[in-house]
Amino acid sequence: MLHDPAWHARMSRVFSGALGIWGVCGEVSGAPDDANGFVIARRSGPEMRVRHDASSGWALTLRDPVSGTPVQLGRHAGLPGLLRRMREELAPDAPSGRLVIGAQQIPAREPGRR
């Protein structure tokens, strides 16, 4: 099952926000070879890939910087476990805590205001 562009954009924001909270310098992008995947490219260290599959959950891998070989870091049924594992790998010294993930309500605009 392929996810729609809105889902993909939402998940990119979640991953980017987590990196910011953890103090990790890097960028999140869609995986060029996988419509259900994401690439987290840090300024230093190996590239991380995240993939979602409706039947098996989230898969997390690192790319060995020398050989390019993928190293499995695990599978997670839900987003909380995936984010916890990502923090352990990307920012082990960052304080653990809860990330609040949810829709942000945009205040209504008054008529005539831009």
Protein backbone atom coordinates (compact mmCIF):
# COMPACT_ATOMS: atom_id res chain seq x y z
CA MET A 1 0.00 0.00 0.00
CA LEU A 2 1.38 3.39 -0.99
CA HIS A 3 0.77 6.33 1.30
CA ASP A 4 -0.63 9.58 -0.05
CA PRO A 5 1.45 12.78 -0.33
CA ALA A 6 -0.27 14.35 2.71
CA TRP A 7 0.77 11.40 4.91
CA HIS A 8 4.30 11.56 3.57
CA ALA A 9 4.53 15.32 4.27
CA ARG A 10 3.14 14.82 7.78
CA MET A 11 5.65 12.10 8.61
CA SER A 12 8.51 14.19 7.23
CA ARG A 13 7.48 16.99 9.60
CA VAL A 14 7.35 14.55 12.53
CA PHE A 15 10.86 13.25 11.80
CA SER A 16 12.25 16.75 11.17
CA GLY A 17 10.70 18.02 14.39
CA ALA A 18 12.18 15.13 16.35
CA LEU A 19 15.64 15.87 14.95
CA GLY A 20 15.29 19.48 16.03
CA ILE A 21 14.20 18.57 19.55
CA TRP A 22 17.09 16.13 19.89
CA GLY A 23 19.60 18.68 18.54
CA VAL A 24 20.56 16.53 15.55
CA CYS A 25 21.71 18.40 12.44
CA GLY A 26 20.27 16.67 9.42
CA GLU A 27 17.61 16.61 6.75
CA VAL A 28 14.65 14.37 6.11
CA SER A 29 13.62 13.51 2.57
CA GLY A 30 11.65 10.89 0.74
CA ALA A 31 13.59 7.79 -0.23
CA PRO A 32 14.21 8.04 -3.97
CA ASP A 33 13.77 4.30 -4.45
CA ASP A 34 10.86 3.71 -2.04
CA ALA A 35 7.53 5.58 -1.98
CA ASN A 36 6.94 4.46 1.63
CA GLY A 37 10.42 5.37 2.83
CA PHE A 38 12.35 8.29 4.26
CA VAL A 39 16.03 9.14 4.34
CA ILE A 40 17.52 10.92 7.31
CA ALA A 41 20.83 12.39 6.22
CA ARG A 42 22.90 13.71 9.10
CA ARG A 43 25.74 16.15 8.64
CA SER A 44 27.98 13.51 10.19
CA GLY A 45 27.46 9.80 10.57
CA PRO A 46 25.74 7.17 8.50
CA GLU A 47 22.49 7.75 6.66
CA MET A 48 19.36 6.37 8.32
CA ARG A 49 16.40 4.97 6.43
CA VAL A 50 12.88 4.57 7.75
CA ARG A 51 10.22 2.59 5.93
CA HIS A 52 6.58 2.01 6.74
CA ASP A 53 4.62 -1.05 5.67
CA ALA A 54 0.99 -1.43 6.72
CA SER A 55 1.41 -5.14 7.49
CA SER A 56 4.77 -5.14 9.27
CA GLY A 57 5.09 -1.62 10.72
CA TRP A 58 8.19 0.56 10.70
CA ALA A 59 11.64 -0.70 9.64
CA LEU A 60 14.76 1.22 10.62
CA THR A 61 18.17 0.75 8.96
CA LEU A 62 21.51 2.50 8.84
CA ARG A 63 23.74 2.62 5.77
CA ASP A 64 27.35 1.78 6.52
CA PRO A 65 29.25 4.89 5.37
CA VAL A 66 32.10 2.87 3.86
CA SER A 67 30.40 -0.09 2.19
CA GLY A 68 26.85 1.27 1.85
CA THR A 69 25.57 -1.98 3.33
CA PRO A 70 22.26 -1.62 5.20
CA VAL A 71 22.36 -2.55 8.89
CA GLN A 72 18.96 -3.42 10.36
CA LEU A 73 18.19 -1.61 13.61
CA GLY A 74 14.81 -3.19 14.10
CA ARG A 75 11.10 -3.16 13.37
CA HIS A 76 8.51 -1.27 15.34
CA ALA A 77 4.75 -1.67 15.38
CA GLY A 78 4.13 1.99 16.15
CA LEU A 79 5.59 5.44 15.87
CA PRO A 80 6.50 5.84 19.58
CA GLY A 81 8.82 2.83 19.53
CA LEU A 82 10.35 3.93 16.24
CA LEU A 83 11.05 7.44 17.54
CA ARG A 84 12.53 6.05 20.76
CA ARG A 85 14.92 3.84 18.77
CA MET A 86 15.81 6.71 16.45
CA ARG A 87 16.70 8.91 19.44
CA GLU A 88 18.83 6.14 20.93
CA GLU A 89 20.78 5.88 17.70
CA LEU A 90 20.94 9.53 16.61
CA ALA A 91 21.13 11.35 19.94
CA PRO A 92 21.97 8.97 22.79
CA ASP A 93 22.79 11.89 25.10
CA ALA A 94 19.53 13.75 24.44
CA PRO A 95 17.18 13.59 27.40
CA SER A 96 14.47 11.01 26.98
CA GLY A 97 10.95 12.25 27.18
CA ARG A 98 7.74 12.31 25.32
CA LEU A 99 7.24 13.88 21.94
CA VAL A 100 3.72 15.15 21.47
CA ILE A 101 2.58 14.25 17.99
CA GLY A 102 -0.70 15.67 16.82
CA ALA A 103 -2.43 17.96 14.44
CA GLN A 104 -1.93 21.63 15.07
CA GLN A 105 -5.08 23.68 14.79
CA ILE A 106 -4.75 26.79 12.70
CA PRO A 107 -6.75 29.71 14.10
CA ALA A 108 -9.57 30.95 11.90
CA ARG A 109 -8.95 34.21 10.10
CA GLU A 110 -11.25 37.13 10.51
CA PRO A 111 -13.16 38.09 7.37
CA GLY A 112 -11.22 40.63 5.33
CA ARG A 113 -7.84 39.88 7.01
CA ARG A 114 -5.00 38.22 5.19
